[in-house]
N, C-alpha and C. Protein backbone atom coordinates (compact mmCIF):
# COMPACT_ATOMS: atom_id res chain seq x y z
N ARG A 1 -23.46 -4.72 1.49
CA ARG A 1 -23.40 -5.99 2.20
C ARG A 1 -24.38 -5.99 3.37
N MET A 2 -24.54 -4.82 4.02
CA MET A 2 -25.47 -4.76 5.14
C MET A 2 -26.90 -5.02 4.68
N LEU A 3 -27.25 -4.52 3.50
CA LEU A 3 -28.58 -4.80 2.96
C LEU A 3 -28.73 -6.28 2.68
N ASP A 4 -27.70 -6.86 2.12
CA ASP A 4 -27.72 -8.27 1.73
C ASP A 4 -27.81 -9.19 2.94
N MET A 5 -27.30 -8.76 4.08
CA MET A 5 -27.25 -9.61 5.27
C MET A 5 -28.46 -9.43 6.18
N GLY A 6 -29.45 -8.66 5.76
CA GLY A 6 -30.67 -8.54 6.54
C GLY A 6 -30.65 -7.45 7.60
N PHE A 7 -29.82 -6.43 7.44
CA PHE A 7 -29.76 -5.34 8.41
C PHE A 7 -30.67 -4.18 8.01
N GLU A 8 -31.72 -4.47 7.27
CA GLU A 8 -32.60 -3.40 6.79
C GLU A 8 -33.18 -2.59 7.95
N GLU A 9 -33.61 -3.25 9.00
CA GLU A 9 -34.22 -2.55 10.13
C GLU A 9 -33.23 -1.59 10.78
N GLN A 10 -31.98 -2.02 10.95
CA GLN A 10 -30.96 -1.18 11.56
C GLN A 10 -30.60 0.00 10.65
N ILE A 11 -30.53 -0.24 9.35
CA ILE A 11 -30.25 0.84 8.41
C ILE A 11 -31.38 1.85 8.43
N GLU A 12 -32.61 1.37 8.45
CA GLU A 12 -33.78 2.25 8.50
C GLU A 12 -33.74 3.11 9.76
N TYR A 13 -33.34 2.53 10.87
CA TYR A 13 -33.24 3.28 12.12
C TYR A 13 -32.19 4.38 12.00
N LEU A 14 -31.05 4.07 11.41
CA LEU A 14 -29.99 5.07 11.25
C LEU A 14 -30.41 6.20 10.31
N VAL A 15 -31.12 5.84 9.25
CA VAL A 15 -31.48 6.81 8.23
C VAL A 15 -32.70 7.63 8.63
N ALA A 16 -33.69 7.00 9.24
CA ALA A 16 -34.95 7.70 9.49
C ALA A 16 -35.49 7.50 10.90
N GLY A 17 -34.70 6.99 11.81
CA GLY A 17 -35.17 6.73 13.16
C GLY A 17 -35.46 8.00 13.93
N PRO A 18 -36.09 7.87 15.09
CA PRO A 18 -36.50 9.05 15.87
C PRO A 18 -35.33 9.87 16.40
N GLN A 19 -34.17 9.26 16.59
CA GLN A 19 -33.02 9.97 17.16
C GLN A 19 -32.07 10.52 16.10
N THR A 20 -32.41 10.37 14.83
CA THR A 20 -31.48 10.78 13.78
C THR A 20 -31.74 12.21 13.33
N ASP A 21 -30.69 12.89 12.97
CA ASP A 21 -30.85 14.21 12.37
C ASP A 21 -30.41 14.17 10.91
N MET A 22 -30.40 12.96 10.35
CA MET A 22 -30.01 12.78 8.96
C MET A 22 -31.11 13.33 8.04
N PRO A 23 -30.72 14.10 7.03
CA PRO A 23 -31.72 14.62 6.08
C PRO A 23 -32.40 13.48 5.31
N ASP A 24 -33.56 13.76 4.75
CA ASP A 24 -34.25 12.75 3.95
C ASP A 24 -33.55 12.59 2.60
N ASN A 25 -34.11 11.74 1.73
CA ASN A 25 -33.50 11.44 0.43
C ASN A 25 -33.14 12.68 -0.38
N SER A 26 -33.99 13.69 -0.32
CA SER A 26 -33.74 14.88 -1.15
C SER A 26 -32.64 15.77 -0.60
N GLY A 27 -32.29 15.61 0.68
CA GLY A 27 -31.30 16.49 1.28
C GLY A 27 -29.98 15.83 1.63
N ARG A 28 -29.77 14.63 1.17
CA ARG A 28 -28.50 13.96 1.49
C ARG A 28 -27.95 13.27 0.24
N GLN A 29 -26.68 13.00 0.29
CA GLN A 29 -26.04 12.24 -0.78
C GLN A 29 -25.75 10.85 -0.24
N THR A 30 -26.24 9.84 -0.95
CA THR A 30 -26.05 8.45 -0.55
C THR A 30 -25.28 7.74 -1.64
N MET A 31 -24.21 7.07 -1.27
CA MET A 31 -23.42 6.32 -2.24
C MET A 31 -23.33 4.87 -1.79
N LEU A 32 -23.58 3.97 -2.71
CA LEU A 32 -23.50 2.53 -2.44
C LEU A 32 -22.48 1.94 -3.40
N TYR A 33 -21.64 1.07 -2.90
CA TYR A 33 -20.63 0.42 -3.73
C TYR A 33 -20.75 -1.09 -3.53
N SER A 34 -20.69 -1.81 -4.62
CA SER A 34 -20.78 -3.26 -4.52
C SER A 34 -20.15 -3.90 -5.74
N ALA A 35 -19.45 -5.00 -5.51
CA ALA A 35 -18.90 -5.76 -6.64
C ALA A 35 -20.02 -6.48 -7.37
N THR A 36 -21.06 -6.82 -6.65
CA THR A 36 -22.25 -7.43 -7.25
C THR A 36 -23.46 -6.69 -6.69
N PHE A 37 -24.56 -6.73 -7.41
CA PHE A 37 -25.73 -5.96 -6.99
C PHE A 37 -26.99 -6.70 -7.44
N PRO A 38 -27.34 -7.78 -6.75
CA PRO A 38 -28.51 -8.57 -7.16
C PRO A 38 -29.78 -7.73 -7.18
N LYS A 39 -30.72 -8.10 -8.04
CA LYS A 39 -31.95 -7.34 -8.24
C LYS A 39 -32.72 -7.09 -6.92
N PRO A 40 -32.91 -8.08 -6.06
CA PRO A 40 -33.63 -7.80 -4.81
C PRO A 40 -32.95 -6.74 -3.95
N ILE A 41 -31.62 -6.74 -3.95
CA ILE A 41 -30.88 -5.75 -3.16
C ILE A 41 -30.97 -4.38 -3.84
N GLN A 42 -30.97 -4.35 -5.18
CA GLN A 42 -31.17 -3.09 -5.90
C GLN A 42 -32.50 -2.47 -5.50
N ASN A 43 -33.55 -3.28 -5.49
CA ASN A 43 -34.88 -2.78 -5.14
C ASN A 43 -34.91 -2.24 -3.72
N LEU A 44 -34.27 -2.93 -2.80
CA LEU A 44 -34.21 -2.48 -1.41
C LEU A 44 -33.41 -1.19 -1.30
N ALA A 45 -32.29 -1.12 -1.99
CA ALA A 45 -31.44 0.07 -1.94
C ALA A 45 -32.15 1.30 -2.49
N MET A 46 -33.00 1.11 -3.49
CA MET A 46 -33.70 2.25 -4.09
C MET A 46 -34.58 2.98 -3.07
N SER A 47 -35.03 2.30 -2.04
CA SER A 47 -35.86 2.97 -1.04
C SER A 47 -35.04 3.97 -0.23
N TYR A 48 -33.72 3.89 -0.27
CA TYR A 48 -32.87 4.82 0.45
C TYR A 48 -32.28 5.90 -0.46
N LEU A 49 -32.61 5.86 -1.74
CA LEU A 49 -32.05 6.80 -2.71
C LEU A 49 -33.10 7.78 -3.19
N SER A 50 -32.66 8.94 -3.64
CA SER A 50 -33.59 9.88 -4.26
C SER A 50 -33.97 9.36 -5.64
N GLN A 51 -35.04 9.89 -6.20
CA GLN A 51 -35.55 9.39 -7.48
C GLN A 51 -34.59 9.64 -8.65
N ASP A 52 -33.71 10.62 -8.54
CA ASP A 52 -32.80 10.93 -9.64
C ASP A 52 -31.39 10.35 -9.41
N PHE A 53 -31.33 9.12 -8.88
CA PHE A 53 -30.04 8.51 -8.59
C PHE A 53 -29.35 8.06 -9.87
N TYR A 54 -28.05 7.90 -9.78
CA TYR A 54 -27.24 7.38 -10.89
C TYR A 54 -26.78 5.98 -10.52
N LEU A 55 -26.80 5.10 -11.50
CA LEU A 55 -26.28 3.75 -11.31
C LEU A 55 -25.16 3.56 -12.32
N LEU A 56 -23.96 3.37 -11.83
CA LEU A 56 -22.79 3.17 -12.68
C LEU A 56 -22.38 1.72 -12.57
N THR A 57 -22.32 1.04 -13.70
CA THR A 57 -21.88 -0.36 -13.69
C THR A 57 -20.63 -0.50 -14.54
N VAL A 58 -19.78 -1.38 -14.12
CA VAL A 58 -18.56 -1.69 -14.86
C VAL A 58 -18.65 -3.17 -15.22
N GLY A 59 -18.58 -3.47 -16.49
CA GLY A 59 -18.74 -4.86 -16.93
C GLY A 59 -20.22 -5.20 -17.03
N ARG A 60 -20.50 -6.48 -17.04
CA ARG A 60 -21.88 -6.94 -17.12
C ARG A 60 -22.36 -7.31 -15.73
N VAL A 61 -23.47 -6.71 -15.32
CA VAL A 61 -24.01 -6.98 -14.00
C VAL A 61 -24.51 -8.41 -13.94
N GLY A 62 -24.15 -9.11 -12.88
CA GLY A 62 -24.65 -10.46 -12.66
C GLY A 62 -23.93 -11.53 -13.46
N SER A 63 -22.81 -11.20 -14.04
CA SER A 63 -22.11 -12.19 -14.86
C SER A 63 -20.79 -12.57 -14.20
N THR A 64 -20.28 -13.69 -14.62
CA THR A 64 -18.95 -14.09 -14.19
C THR A 64 -18.00 -13.82 -15.34
N THR A 65 -16.75 -13.79 -15.03
CA THR A 65 -15.76 -13.57 -16.07
C THR A 65 -15.76 -14.74 -17.05
N LYS A 66 -15.45 -14.45 -18.28
CA LYS A 66 -15.43 -15.51 -19.30
C LYS A 66 -14.27 -16.47 -19.08
N ASN A 67 -13.34 -16.11 -18.19
CA ASN A 67 -12.18 -16.96 -17.92
C ASN A 67 -12.47 -18.07 -16.91
N ILE A 68 -13.67 -18.10 -16.37
CA ILE A 68 -14.02 -19.12 -15.37
C ILE A 68 -14.88 -20.19 -16.01
N THR A 69 -14.49 -21.42 -15.77
CA THR A 69 -15.31 -22.56 -16.19
C THR A 69 -15.99 -23.11 -14.94
N GLN A 70 -17.31 -23.14 -14.98
CA GLN A 70 -18.06 -23.67 -13.85
C GLN A 70 -18.57 -25.06 -14.18
N ARG A 71 -18.40 -25.98 -13.23
CA ARG A 71 -18.91 -27.33 -13.40
C ARG A 71 -19.82 -27.65 -12.22
N VAL A 72 -20.92 -28.28 -12.51
CA VAL A 72 -21.82 -28.74 -11.46
C VAL A 72 -21.87 -30.25 -11.52
N ILE A 73 -21.60 -30.86 -10.41
CA ILE A 73 -21.64 -32.32 -10.33
C ILE A 73 -22.64 -32.68 -9.24
N TRP A 74 -23.72 -33.32 -9.63
CA TRP A 74 -24.73 -33.74 -8.66
C TRP A 74 -24.31 -35.06 -8.04
N CYS A 75 -24.36 -35.14 -6.72
CA CYS A 75 -24.07 -36.40 -6.05
C CYS A 75 -24.83 -36.43 -4.73
N ASP A 76 -25.00 -37.63 -4.20
CA ASP A 76 -25.64 -37.79 -2.91
C ASP A 76 -24.77 -37.19 -1.82
N GLU A 77 -25.40 -36.82 -0.73
CA GLU A 77 -24.68 -36.25 0.42
C GLU A 77 -23.52 -37.14 0.84
N ARG A 78 -23.75 -38.44 0.89
CA ARG A 78 -22.71 -39.36 1.36
C ARG A 78 -21.55 -39.51 0.37
N GLU A 79 -21.73 -39.03 -0.86
CA GLU A 79 -20.68 -39.14 -1.88
C GLU A 79 -19.88 -37.84 -2.05
N LYS A 80 -20.24 -36.79 -1.31
CA LYS A 80 -19.61 -35.49 -1.52
C LYS A 80 -18.09 -35.53 -1.33
N ARG A 81 -17.65 -36.06 -0.22
CA ARG A 81 -16.21 -36.03 0.06
C ARG A 81 -15.41 -36.88 -0.92
N SER A 82 -15.91 -38.06 -1.25
CA SER A 82 -15.17 -38.91 -2.19
C SER A 82 -15.15 -38.27 -3.57
N THR A 83 -16.24 -37.64 -3.97
CA THR A 83 -16.28 -36.95 -5.26
C THR A 83 -15.31 -35.77 -5.26
N MET A 84 -15.31 -35.01 -4.17
CA MET A 84 -14.40 -33.87 -4.05
C MET A 84 -12.95 -34.34 -4.09
N MET A 85 -12.64 -35.41 -3.37
CA MET A 85 -11.26 -35.91 -3.35
C MET A 85 -10.83 -36.39 -4.73
N ARG A 86 -11.73 -37.04 -5.45
CA ARG A 86 -11.42 -37.49 -6.81
C ARG A 86 -11.10 -36.29 -7.70
N ILE A 87 -11.88 -35.22 -7.56
CA ILE A 87 -11.63 -34.01 -8.36
C ILE A 87 -10.31 -33.36 -7.95
N LEU A 88 -10.09 -33.23 -6.65
CA LEU A 88 -8.85 -32.61 -6.18
C LEU A 88 -7.62 -33.39 -6.62
N CYS A 89 -7.72 -34.70 -6.64
CA CYS A 89 -6.57 -35.53 -7.04
C CYS A 89 -6.27 -35.43 -8.54
N THR A 90 -7.22 -34.98 -9.33
CA THR A 90 -6.98 -34.82 -10.77
C THR A 90 -6.46 -33.43 -11.12
N GLN A 91 -6.45 -32.52 -10.14
CA GLN A 91 -5.97 -31.16 -10.40
C GLN A 91 -4.45 -31.15 -10.46
N GLN A 92 -3.93 -30.25 -11.27
CA GLN A 92 -2.49 -30.07 -11.28
C GLN A 92 -2.07 -29.40 -9.99
N THR A 93 -0.86 -29.63 -9.57
CA THR A 93 -0.42 -29.09 -8.29
C THR A 93 -0.37 -27.57 -8.28
N THR A 94 -0.36 -26.94 -9.45
CA THR A 94 -0.33 -25.48 -9.52
C THR A 94 -1.73 -24.88 -9.58
N ASP A 95 -2.76 -25.72 -9.69
CA ASP A 95 -4.13 -25.21 -9.76
C ASP A 95 -4.58 -24.68 -8.40
N LEU A 96 -5.35 -23.60 -8.45
CA LEU A 96 -5.99 -23.08 -7.24
C LEU A 96 -7.45 -23.53 -7.26
N VAL A 97 -7.93 -24.01 -6.13
CA VAL A 97 -9.29 -24.54 -6.03
C VAL A 97 -10.02 -23.82 -4.90
N LEU A 98 -11.19 -23.27 -5.22
CA LEU A 98 -12.02 -22.59 -4.24
C LEU A 98 -13.26 -23.43 -3.99
N ILE A 99 -13.46 -23.85 -2.75
CA ILE A 99 -14.59 -24.70 -2.38
C ILE A 99 -15.52 -23.89 -1.48
N PHE A 100 -16.77 -23.74 -1.92
CA PHE A 100 -17.75 -23.03 -1.10
C PHE A 100 -18.56 -24.02 -0.28
N VAL A 101 -18.78 -23.67 0.98
CA VAL A 101 -19.63 -24.45 1.87
C VAL A 101 -20.67 -23.52 2.47
N GLU A 102 -21.72 -24.12 3.00
CA GLU A 102 -22.85 -23.31 3.48
C GLU A 102 -22.63 -22.71 4.86
N LYS A 103 -21.93 -23.41 5.73
CA LYS A 103 -21.81 -22.98 7.12
C LYS A 103 -20.35 -22.89 7.56
N LYS A 104 -20.11 -22.03 8.56
CA LYS A 104 -18.76 -21.89 9.11
C LYS A 104 -18.26 -23.21 9.68
N ALA A 105 -19.14 -23.94 10.34
CA ALA A 105 -18.74 -25.24 10.91
C ALA A 105 -18.32 -26.20 9.80
N ASN A 106 -19.02 -26.16 8.66
CA ASN A 106 -18.65 -27.01 7.52
C ASN A 106 -17.27 -26.64 7.00
N ALA A 107 -16.97 -25.34 6.98
CA ALA A 107 -15.65 -24.89 6.53
C ALA A 107 -14.57 -25.44 7.45
N ASN A 108 -14.79 -25.34 8.74
CA ASN A 108 -13.80 -25.84 9.70
C ASN A 108 -13.64 -27.36 9.61
N ASN A 109 -14.76 -28.07 9.47
CA ASN A 109 -14.70 -29.53 9.35
C ASN A 109 -13.97 -29.96 8.09
N LEU A 110 -14.26 -29.29 6.97
CA LEU A 110 -13.60 -29.64 5.72
C LEU A 110 -12.11 -29.29 5.78
N PHE A 111 -11.78 -28.19 6.42
CA PHE A 111 -10.38 -27.81 6.63
C PHE A 111 -9.64 -28.93 7.37
N ASP A 112 -10.23 -29.40 8.47
CA ASP A 112 -9.61 -30.48 9.25
C ASP A 112 -9.45 -31.74 8.40
N TYR A 113 -10.48 -32.08 7.65
CA TYR A 113 -10.45 -33.28 6.81
C TYR A 113 -9.35 -33.18 5.75
N LEU A 114 -9.29 -32.04 5.05
CA LEU A 114 -8.29 -31.88 3.99
C LEU A 114 -6.88 -31.90 4.56
N ASN A 115 -6.68 -31.27 5.70
CA ASN A 115 -5.36 -31.31 6.33
C ASN A 115 -4.98 -32.73 6.73
N ALA A 116 -5.94 -33.50 7.21
CA ALA A 116 -5.67 -34.90 7.56
C ALA A 116 -5.31 -35.72 6.32
N GLU A 117 -5.79 -35.28 5.16
CA GLU A 117 -5.47 -35.94 3.89
C GLU A 117 -4.22 -35.34 3.24
N ASP A 118 -3.50 -34.50 3.98
CA ASP A 118 -2.28 -33.84 3.50
C ASP A 118 -2.52 -32.93 2.30
N ILE A 119 -3.67 -32.29 2.28
CA ILE A 119 -3.97 -31.30 1.23
C ILE A 119 -3.91 -29.93 1.89
N PRO A 120 -2.90 -29.11 1.53
CA PRO A 120 -2.78 -27.79 2.14
C PRO A 120 -3.99 -26.93 1.79
N CYS A 121 -4.60 -26.35 2.81
CA CYS A 121 -5.77 -25.51 2.56
C CYS A 121 -5.87 -24.43 3.62
N ALA A 122 -6.76 -23.50 3.36
CA ALA A 122 -7.05 -22.41 4.29
C ALA A 122 -8.56 -22.20 4.28
N THR A 123 -9.05 -21.47 5.28
CA THR A 123 -10.48 -21.17 5.33
C THR A 123 -10.72 -19.67 5.45
N ILE A 124 -11.85 -19.27 4.91
CA ILE A 124 -12.33 -17.90 5.10
C ILE A 124 -13.81 -17.99 5.44
N HIS A 125 -14.17 -17.43 6.60
CA HIS A 125 -15.58 -17.35 6.98
C HIS A 125 -15.75 -16.26 8.03
N GLY A 126 -16.98 -16.03 8.44
CA GLY A 126 -17.32 -14.91 9.30
C GLY A 126 -16.72 -14.94 10.69
N ASP A 127 -16.30 -16.09 11.19
CA ASP A 127 -15.69 -16.15 12.52
C ASP A 127 -14.19 -15.84 12.49
N ARG A 128 -13.62 -15.74 11.32
CA ARG A 128 -12.20 -15.41 11.20
C ARG A 128 -12.02 -13.89 11.34
N LYS A 129 -10.97 -13.50 12.02
CA LYS A 129 -10.64 -12.08 12.11
C LYS A 129 -10.20 -11.59 10.73
N GLN A 130 -10.30 -10.30 10.50
CA GLN A 130 -9.96 -9.74 9.20
C GLN A 130 -8.53 -10.09 8.80
N TRP A 131 -7.61 -9.98 9.74
CA TRP A 131 -6.21 -10.29 9.39
C TRP A 131 -6.04 -11.77 9.04
N GLU A 132 -6.84 -12.65 9.68
CA GLU A 132 -6.78 -14.07 9.35
C GLU A 132 -7.31 -14.32 7.94
N ARG A 133 -8.39 -13.62 7.59
CA ARG A 133 -8.94 -13.76 6.23
C ARG A 133 -7.93 -13.29 5.19
N GLU A 134 -7.30 -12.15 5.48
CA GLU A 134 -6.32 -11.60 4.54
C GLU A 134 -5.12 -12.53 4.40
N ALA A 135 -4.67 -13.10 5.51
CA ALA A 135 -3.53 -14.03 5.46
C ALA A 135 -3.90 -15.29 4.66
N ALA A 136 -5.10 -15.81 4.89
CA ALA A 136 -5.56 -17.00 4.16
C ALA A 136 -5.65 -16.71 2.68
N LEU A 137 -6.18 -15.54 2.34
CA LEU A 137 -6.32 -15.16 0.94
C LEU A 137 -4.96 -14.98 0.28
N ALA A 138 -4.02 -14.34 0.98
CA ALA A 138 -2.67 -14.15 0.43
C ALA A 138 -1.98 -15.50 0.22
N SER A 139 -2.13 -16.40 1.18
CA SER A 139 -1.54 -17.73 1.07
C SER A 139 -2.14 -18.51 -0.10
N PHE A 140 -3.43 -18.32 -0.31
CA PHE A 140 -4.12 -18.97 -1.43
C PHE A 140 -3.65 -18.40 -2.76
N LYS A 141 -3.63 -17.08 -2.86
CA LYS A 141 -3.25 -16.43 -4.13
C LYS A 141 -1.85 -16.81 -4.58
N CYS A 142 -0.92 -16.94 -3.63
CA CYS A 142 0.46 -17.26 -4.01
C CYS A 142 0.66 -18.77 -4.20
N GLY A 143 -0.36 -19.57 -3.89
CA GLY A 143 -0.26 -21.01 -4.11
C GLY A 143 0.29 -21.79 -2.94
N GLU A 144 0.62 -21.11 -1.85
CA GLU A 144 1.13 -21.80 -0.67
C GLU A 144 0.08 -22.79 -0.13
N THR A 145 -1.17 -22.35 -0.10
CA THR A 145 -2.30 -23.23 0.23
C THR A 145 -3.23 -23.19 -0.98
N PRO A 146 -3.11 -24.17 -1.88
CA PRO A 146 -3.83 -24.12 -3.16
C PRO A 146 -5.33 -24.38 -3.07
N VAL A 147 -5.81 -24.76 -1.88
CA VAL A 147 -7.24 -24.99 -1.71
C VAL A 147 -7.75 -24.00 -0.66
N LEU A 148 -8.81 -23.28 -1.01
CA LEU A 148 -9.44 -22.34 -0.08
C LEU A 148 -10.87 -22.80 0.14
N VAL A 149 -11.22 -23.03 1.39
CA VAL A 149 -12.58 -23.41 1.77
C VAL A 149 -13.24 -22.16 2.34
N ALA A 150 -14.39 -21.79 1.77
CA ALA A 150 -15.00 -20.51 2.15
C ALA A 150 -16.52 -20.59 2.23
N THR A 151 -17.06 -19.75 3.08
CA THR A 151 -18.51 -19.54 3.09
C THR A 151 -18.79 -18.40 2.11
N ASP A 152 -20.03 -17.93 2.10
CA ASP A 152 -20.39 -16.87 1.17
C ASP A 152 -19.69 -15.55 1.46
N VAL A 153 -18.92 -15.47 2.55
CA VAL A 153 -18.15 -14.27 2.83
C VAL A 153 -17.16 -13.99 1.70
N ALA A 154 -16.77 -15.04 0.97
CA ALA A 154 -15.83 -14.90 -0.15
C ALA A 154 -16.52 -15.00 -1.50
N ALA A 155 -17.84 -14.96 -1.50
CA ALA A 155 -18.57 -15.20 -2.75
C ALA A 155 -18.62 -13.98 -3.66
N ARG A 156 -18.32 -12.81 -3.14
CA ARG A 156 -18.48 -11.60 -3.94
C ARG A 156 -17.24 -10.74 -3.90
N GLY A 157 -16.90 -10.21 -5.04
CA GLY A 157 -15.90 -9.18 -5.10
C GLY A 157 -14.44 -9.61 -5.08
N LEU A 158 -14.17 -10.89 -5.04
CA LEU A 158 -12.77 -11.33 -5.05
C LEU A 158 -12.29 -11.48 -6.49
N ASP A 159 -11.10 -11.02 -6.74
CA ASP A 159 -10.49 -11.19 -8.05
C ASP A 159 -9.20 -11.97 -7.84
N ILE A 160 -9.27 -13.26 -8.10
CA ILE A 160 -8.11 -14.13 -7.87
C ILE A 160 -7.74 -14.78 -9.19
N PRO A 161 -6.63 -14.37 -9.78
CA PRO A 161 -6.20 -14.98 -11.04
C PRO A 161 -5.92 -16.47 -10.86
N ASN A 162 -6.17 -17.23 -11.90
CA ASN A 162 -5.82 -18.66 -11.97
C ASN A 162 -6.59 -19.57 -11.02
N VAL A 163 -7.78 -19.16 -10.61
CA VAL A 163 -8.59 -20.06 -9.78
C VAL A 163 -9.26 -21.05 -10.69
């Protein structure tokens, strides 16, 4: 995740900076774990690994589960909320809905809007404390808040049945 978020300079400093006593690639063991591993991040990670590294994958890299149906609906910016509300109103009350937004402020604004429309929801984004994220996720998984509004902080590695 640190590679993905642009912390390359800080990682480089820790691994090879002037104040480090960390061995080079040939003298250390480096392990990376990720639920997803996009190609650009793989290429970046390889610069920190020795040439004889092992890559273990489980499932198909870069794929979604076959149990997920993805729909893309193109609409104008001014039609987003009405389109979203139309979709939400057609969902069964037991359905779980995950809505991704680009910014933390958008998540908070959409949370306020949905609550004003009496749609129970929760948010997950980078300004939430870890315990708040876990509580929101637990509430979502059990159906207490069937709508989860999230930034890309929730885009990887979550396994939520029945979304």
